[in-house]
Structure formats: C-alpha cells, structure tokens
PDB file of N, CA and C in Angstrom:
ATOM      1  N   MET A   1     -33.497  19.458 -35.681  1.00  0.00           N
ATOM      2  CA  MET A   1     -32.617  20.400 -35.008  1.00  0.00           C
ATOM      3  C   MET A   1     -32.920  20.459 -33.512  1.00  0.00           C
ATOM      4  N   MET A   2     -34.192  20.527 -33.168  1.00  0.00           N
ATOM      5  CA  MET A   2     -34.583  20.592 -31.757  1.00  0.00           C
ATOM      6  C   MET A   2     -34.200  19.306 -31.036  1.00  0.00           C
ATOM      7  N   MET A   3     -34.358  18.173 -31.714  1.00  0.00           N
ATOM      8  CA  MET A   3     -34.024  16.882 -31.101  1.00  0.00           C
ATOM      9  C   MET A   3     -32.522  16.798 -30.804  1.00  0.00           C
ATOM     10  N   VAL A   4     -31.692  17.295 -31.696  1.00  0.00           N
ATOM     11  CA  VAL A   4     -30.247  17.291 -31.484  1.00  0.00           C
ATOM     12  C   VAL A   4     -29.894  18.172 -30.289  1.00  0.00           C
ATOM     13  N   LEU A   5     -30.534  19.330 -30.179  1.00  0.00           N
ATOM     14  CA  LEU A   5     -30.289  20.231 -29.058  1.00  0.00           C
ATOM     15  C   LEU A   5     -30.658  19.567 -27.736  1.00  0.00           C
ATOM     16  N   VAL A   6     -31.797  18.873 -27.705  1.00  0.00           N
ATOM     17  CA  VAL A   6     -32.231  18.177 -26.490  1.00  0.00           C
ATOM     18  C   VAL A   6     -31.234  17.084 -26.125  1.00  0.00           C
ATOM     19  N   MET A   7     -30.756  16.338 -27.117  1.00  0.00           N
ATOM     20  CA  MET A   7     -29.800  15.263 -26.844  1.00  0.00           C
ATOM     21  C   MET A   7     -28.479  15.818 -26.320  1.00  0.00           C
ATOM     22  N   VAL A   8     -28.024  16.948 -26.853  1.00  0.00           N
ATOM     23  CA  VAL A   8     -26.776  17.557 -26.391  1.00  0.00           C
ATOM     24  C   VAL A   8     -26.919  18.029 -24.954  1.00  0.00           C
ATOM     25  N   VAL A   9     -28.043  18.671 -24.636  1.00  0.00           N
ATOM     26  CA  VAL A   9     -28.263  19.159 -23.277  1.00  0.00           C
ATOM     27  C   VAL A   9     -28.339  17.998 -22.299  1.00  0.00           C
ATOM     28  N   MET A  10     -29.037  16.931 -22.667  1.00  0.00           N
ATOM     29  CA  MET A  10     -29.139  15.767 -21.783  1.00  0.00           C
ATOM     30  C   MET A  10     -27.778  15.108 -21.609  1.00  0.00           C
ATOM     31  N   GLY A  11     -26.987  15.045 -22.656  1.00  0.00           N
ATOM     32  CA  GLY A  11     -25.657  14.449 -22.580  1.00  0.00           C
ATOM     33  C   GLY A  11     -24.737  15.244 -21.674  1.00  0.00           C
ATOM     34  N   CYS A  12     -24.801  16.551 -21.743  1.00  0.00           N
ATOM     35  CA  CYS A  12     -23.964  17.396 -20.883  1.00  0.00           C
ATOM     36  C   CYS A  12     -24.390  17.281 -19.432  1.00  0.00           C
ATOM     37  N   ASP A  13     -25.679  17.206 -19.202  1.00  0.00           N
ATOM     38  CA  ASP A  13     -26.184  17.130 -17.837  1.00  0.00           C
ATOM     39  C   ASP A  13     -25.805  15.805 -17.184  1.00  0.00           C
ATOM     40  N   SER A  14     -25.927  14.707 -17.913  1.00  0.00           N
ATOM     41  CA  SER A  14     -25.603  13.412 -17.318  1.00  0.00           C
ATOM     42  C   SER A  14     -24.106  13.285 -17.068  1.00  0.00           C
ATOM     43  N   GLY A  15     -23.285  13.931 -17.867  1.00  0.00           N
ATOM     44  CA  GLY A  15     -21.848  13.903 -17.643  1.00  0.00           C
ATOM     45  C   GLY A  15     -21.470  14.574 -16.339  1.00  0.00           C
ATOM     46  N   GLY A  16     -22.172  15.640 -16.001  1.00  0.00           N
ATOM     47  CA  GLY A  16     -21.912  16.328 -14.746  1.00  0.00           C
ATOM     48  C   GLY A  16     -22.282  15.480 -13.558  1.00  0.00           C
ATOM     49  N   VAL A  17     -23.352  14.722 -13.684  1.00  0.00           N
ATOM     50  CA  VAL A  17     -23.795  13.857 -12.588  1.00  0.00           C
ATOM     51  C   VAL A  17     -22.773  12.759 -12.352  1.00  0.00           C
ATOM     52  N   LYS A  18     -22.248  12.183 -13.419  1.00  0.00           N
ATOM     53  CA  LYS A  18     -21.268  11.112 -13.261  1.00  0.00           C
ATOM     54  C   LYS A  18     -20.015  11.624 -12.566  1.00  0.00           C
ATOM     55  N   ASP A  19     -19.581  12.832 -12.913  1.00  0.00           N
ATOM     56  CA  ASP A  19     -18.392  13.386 -12.273  1.00  0.00           C
ATOM     57  C   ASP A  19     -18.625  13.601 -10.786  1.00  0.00           C
ATOM     58  N   SER A  20     -19.802  14.121 -10.431  1.00  0.00           N
ATOM     59  CA  SER A  20     -20.073  14.341  -9.008  1.00  0.00           C
ATOM     60  C   SER A  20     -20.209  13.011  -8.271  1.00  0.00           C
ATOM     61  N   GLU A  21     -20.745  11.991  -8.947  1.00  0.00           N
ATOM     62  CA  GLU A  21     -20.826  10.666  -8.324  1.00  0.00           C
ATOM     63  C   GLU A  21     -19.428  10.108  -8.086  1.00  0.00           C
ATOM     64  N   LYS A  22     -18.533  10.293  -9.049  1.00  0.00           N
ATOM     65  CA  LYS A  22     -17.161   9.809  -8.887  1.00  0.00           C
ATOM     66  C   LYS A  22     -16.470  10.527  -7.736  1.00  0.00           C
ATOM     67  N   VAL A  23     -16.695  11.831  -7.637  1.00  0.00           N
ATOM     68  CA  VAL A  23     -16.091  12.600  -6.547  1.00  0.00           C
ATOM     69  C   VAL A  23     -16.635  12.119  -5.218  1.00  0.00           C
ATOM     70  N   PHE A  24     -17.955  11.911  -5.147  1.00  0.00           N
ATOM     71  CA  PHE A  24     -18.581  11.445  -3.910  1.00  0.00           C
ATOM     72  C   PHE A  24     -18.045  10.073  -3.517  1.00  0.00           C
ATOM     73  N   LEU A  25     -17.972   9.163  -4.483  1.00  0.00           N
ATOM     74  CA  LEU A  25     -17.494   7.813  -4.183  1.00  0.00           C
ATOM     75  C   LEU A  25     -16.024   7.823  -3.768  1.00  0.00           C
ATOM     76  N   SER A  26     -15.212   8.647  -4.414  1.00  0.00           N
ATOM     77  CA  SER A  26     -13.798   8.695  -4.019  1.00  0.00           C
ATOM     78  C   SER A  26     -13.646   9.297  -2.626  1.00  0.00           C
ATOM     79  N   GLU A  27     -14.494  10.269  -2.275  1.00  0.00           N
ATOM     80  CA  GLU A  27     -14.454  10.824  -0.918  1.00  0.00           C
ATOM     81  C   GLU A  27     -14.881   9.785   0.108  1.00  0.00           C
ATOM     82  N   MET A  28     -15.870   8.963  -0.232  1.00  0.00           N
ATOM     83  CA  MET A  28     -16.309   7.908   0.681  1.00  0.00           C
ATOM     84  C   MET A  28     -15.205   6.874   0.874  1.00  0.00           C
ATOM     85  N   VAL A  29     -14.484   6.541  -0.195  1.00  0.00           N
ATOM     86  CA  VAL A  29     -13.369   5.596  -0.091  1.00  0.00           C
ATOM     87  C   VAL A  29     -12.274   6.177   0.798  1.00  0.00           C
ATOM     88  N   ASN A  30     -11.971   7.464   0.606  1.00  0.00           N
ATOM     89  CA  ASN A  30     -10.951   8.107   1.444  1.00  0.00           C
ATOM     90  C   ASN A  30     -11.384   8.155   2.900  1.00  0.00           C
ATOM     91  N   LEU A  31     -12.670   8.387   3.143  1.00  0.00           N
ATOM     92  CA  LEU A  31     -13.182   8.396   4.508  1.00  0.00           C
ATOM     93  C   LEU A  31     -13.048   7.012   5.132  1.00  0.00           C
ATOM     94  N   GLY A  32     -13.365   5.974   4.352  1.00  0.00           N
ATOM     95  CA  GLY A  32     -13.215   4.602   4.839  1.00  0.00           C
ATOM     96  C   GLY A  32     -11.770   4.277   5.178  1.00  0.00           C
ATOM     97  N   LYS A  33     -10.850   4.747   4.338  1.00  0.00           N
ATOM     98  CA  LYS A  33      -9.423   4.522   4.615  1.00  0.00           C
ATOM     99  C   LYS A  33      -9.006   5.231   5.894  1.00  0.00           C
ATOM    100  N   GLY A  34      -9.544   6.421   6.118  1.00  0.00           N
ATOM    101  CA  GLY A  34      -9.233   7.161   7.337  1.00  0.00           C
ATOM    102  C   GLY A  34      -9.714   6.429   8.569  1.00  0.00           C
ATOM    103  N   PHE A  35     -10.948   5.895   8.519  1.00  0.00           N
ATOM    104  CA  PHE A  35     -11.466   5.128   9.648  1.00  0.00           C
ATOM    105  C   PHE A  35     -10.627   3.883   9.885  1.00  0.00           C
ATOM    106  N   MET A  36     -10.194   3.236   8.808  1.00  0.00           N
ATOM    107  CA  MET A  36      -9.381   2.037   8.954  1.00  0.00           C
ATOM    108  C   MET A  36      -8.054   2.369   9.642  1.00  0.00           C
ATOM    109  N   GLU A  37      -7.448   3.491   9.268  1.00  0.00           N
ATOM    110  CA  GLU A  37      -6.195   3.900   9.906  1.00  0.00           C
ATOM    111  C   GLU A  37      -6.395   4.163  11.393  1.00  0.00           C
ATOM    112  N   VAL A  38      -7.525   4.782  11.745  1.00  0.00           N
ATOM    113  CA  VAL A  38      -7.806   5.066  13.155  1.00  0.00           C
ATOM    114  C   VAL A  38      -7.959   3.769  13.934  1.00  0.00           C
ATOM    115  N   PHE A  39      -8.720   2.815  13.398  1.00  0.00           N
ATOM    116  CA  PHE A  39      -8.944   1.563  14.112  1.00  0.00           C
ATOM    117  C   PHE A  39      -7.673   0.732  14.207  1.00  0.00           C
ATOM    118  N   VAL A  40      -6.842   0.750  13.174  1.00  0.00           N
ATOM    119  CA  VAL A  40      -5.571   0.024  13.228  1.00  0.00           C
ATOM    120  C   VAL A  40      -4.655   0.654  14.273  1.00  0.00           C
ATOM    121  N   SER A  41      -4.615   1.974  14.312  1.00  0.00           N
ATOM    122  CA  SER A  41      -3.794   2.655  15.328  1.00  0.00           C
ATOM    123  C   SER A  41      -4.293   2.340  16.730  1.00  0.00           C
ATOM    124  N   PHE A  42      -5.612   2.340  16.909  1.00  0.00           N
ATOM    125  CA  PHE A  42      -6.193   2.011  18.208  1.00  0.00           C
ATOM    126  C   PHE A  42      -5.851   0.577  18.599  1.00  0.00           C
ATOM    127  N   GLY A  43      -5.952  -0.344  17.632  1.00  0.00           N
ATOM    128  CA  GLY A  43      -5.603  -1.736  17.898  1.00  0.00           C
ATOM    129  C   GLY A  43      -4.145  -1.898  18.272  1.00  0.00           C
ATOM    130  N   ASP A  44      -3.268  -1.171  17.574  1.00  0.00           N
ATOM    131  CA  ASP A  44      -1.841  -1.219  17.905  1.00  0.00           C
ATOM    132  C   ASP A  44      -1.577  -0.671  19.302  1.00  0.00           C
ATOM    133  N   MET A  45      -2.303   0.384  19.672  1.00  0.00           N
ATOM    134  CA  MET A  45      -2.133   0.969  20.995  1.00  0.00           C
ATOM    135  C   MET A  45      -2.574  -0.011  22.079  1.00  0.00           C
ATOM    136  N   VAL A  46      -3.719  -0.642  21.886  1.00  0.00           N
ATOM    137  CA  VAL A  46      -4.214  -1.623  22.862  1.00  0.00           C
ATOM    138  C   VAL A  46      -3.264  -2.807  22.932  1.00  0.00           C
ATOM    139  N   GLU A  47      -2.778  -3.240  21.781  1.00  0.00           N
ATOM    140  CA  GLU A  47      -1.824  -4.352  21.734  1.00  0.00           C
ATOM    141  C   GLU A  47      -0.551  -4.008  22.498  1.00  0.00           C
ATOM    142  N   GLY A  48      -0.073  -2.787  22.347  1.00  0.00           N
ATOM    143  CA  GLY A  48       1.130  -2.364  23.054  1.00  0.00           C
ATOM    144  C   GLY A  48       0.920  -2.276  24.553  1.00  0.00           C
ATOM    145  N   ILE A  49      -0.252  -1.807  24.962  1.00  0.00           N
ATOM    146  CA  ILE A  49      -0.545  -1.685  26.392  1.00  0.00           C
ATOM    147  C   ILE A  49      -0.663  -3.054  27.042  1.00  0.00           C
ATOM    148  N   LEU A  50      -1.342  -3.980  26.366  1.00  0.00           N
ATOM    149  CA  LEU A  50      -1.566  -5.307  26.938  1.00  0.00           C
ATOM    150  C   LEU A  50      -0.412  -6.267  26.678  1.00  0.00           C
ATOM    151  N   GLY A  51       0.522  -5.901  25.810  1.00  0.00           N
ATOM    152  CA  GLY A  51       1.663  -6.762  25.520  1.00  0.00           C
ATOM    153  C   GLY A  51       1.295  -7.959  24.669  1.00  0.00           C
ATOM    154  N   ILE A  52       0.277  -7.834  23.863  1.00  0.00           N
ATOM    155  CA  ILE A  52      -0.177  -8.933  22.992  1.00  0.00           C
ATOM    156  C   ILE A  52       0.572  -8.840  21.667  1.00  0.00           C
ATOM    157  N   LYS A  53       1.013  -9.976  21.176  1.00  0.00           N
ATOM    158  CA  LYS A  53       1.653 -10.020  19.857  1.00  0.00           C
ATOM    159  C   LYS A  53       1.024 -11.065  19.004  1.00  0.00           C
TER     160      LYS A  53
END
C-alpha cells in the first residue's frame, strides 16, 4: 500500500514538471520567433534604405 502511494505521488510530481518544461520550451520558441521577426524587419528596412534587392 505504501509503495503504491509513493508511486502515485512520484507520478503526479513528474507530470507537473513535464508540463512546466513544455510551457518553458514553447515560450522560448515564441521568443525566438519574435527575435526573428525583429531581425527580418530590420533587414527589410536596411534593404529599403540602401535600395538593395
């Protein structure tokens, strides 16, 4: 009985960690996409100023 209780508690705890890891990783991906948009916009602006195509 005690062993089952320990396994249930460990299973619930590890599930919470995985969810927070997924949230963290998805936030990092969104942050990377944001930086990419900024750099692409900056590149387009420089391209427009210099007349490069």
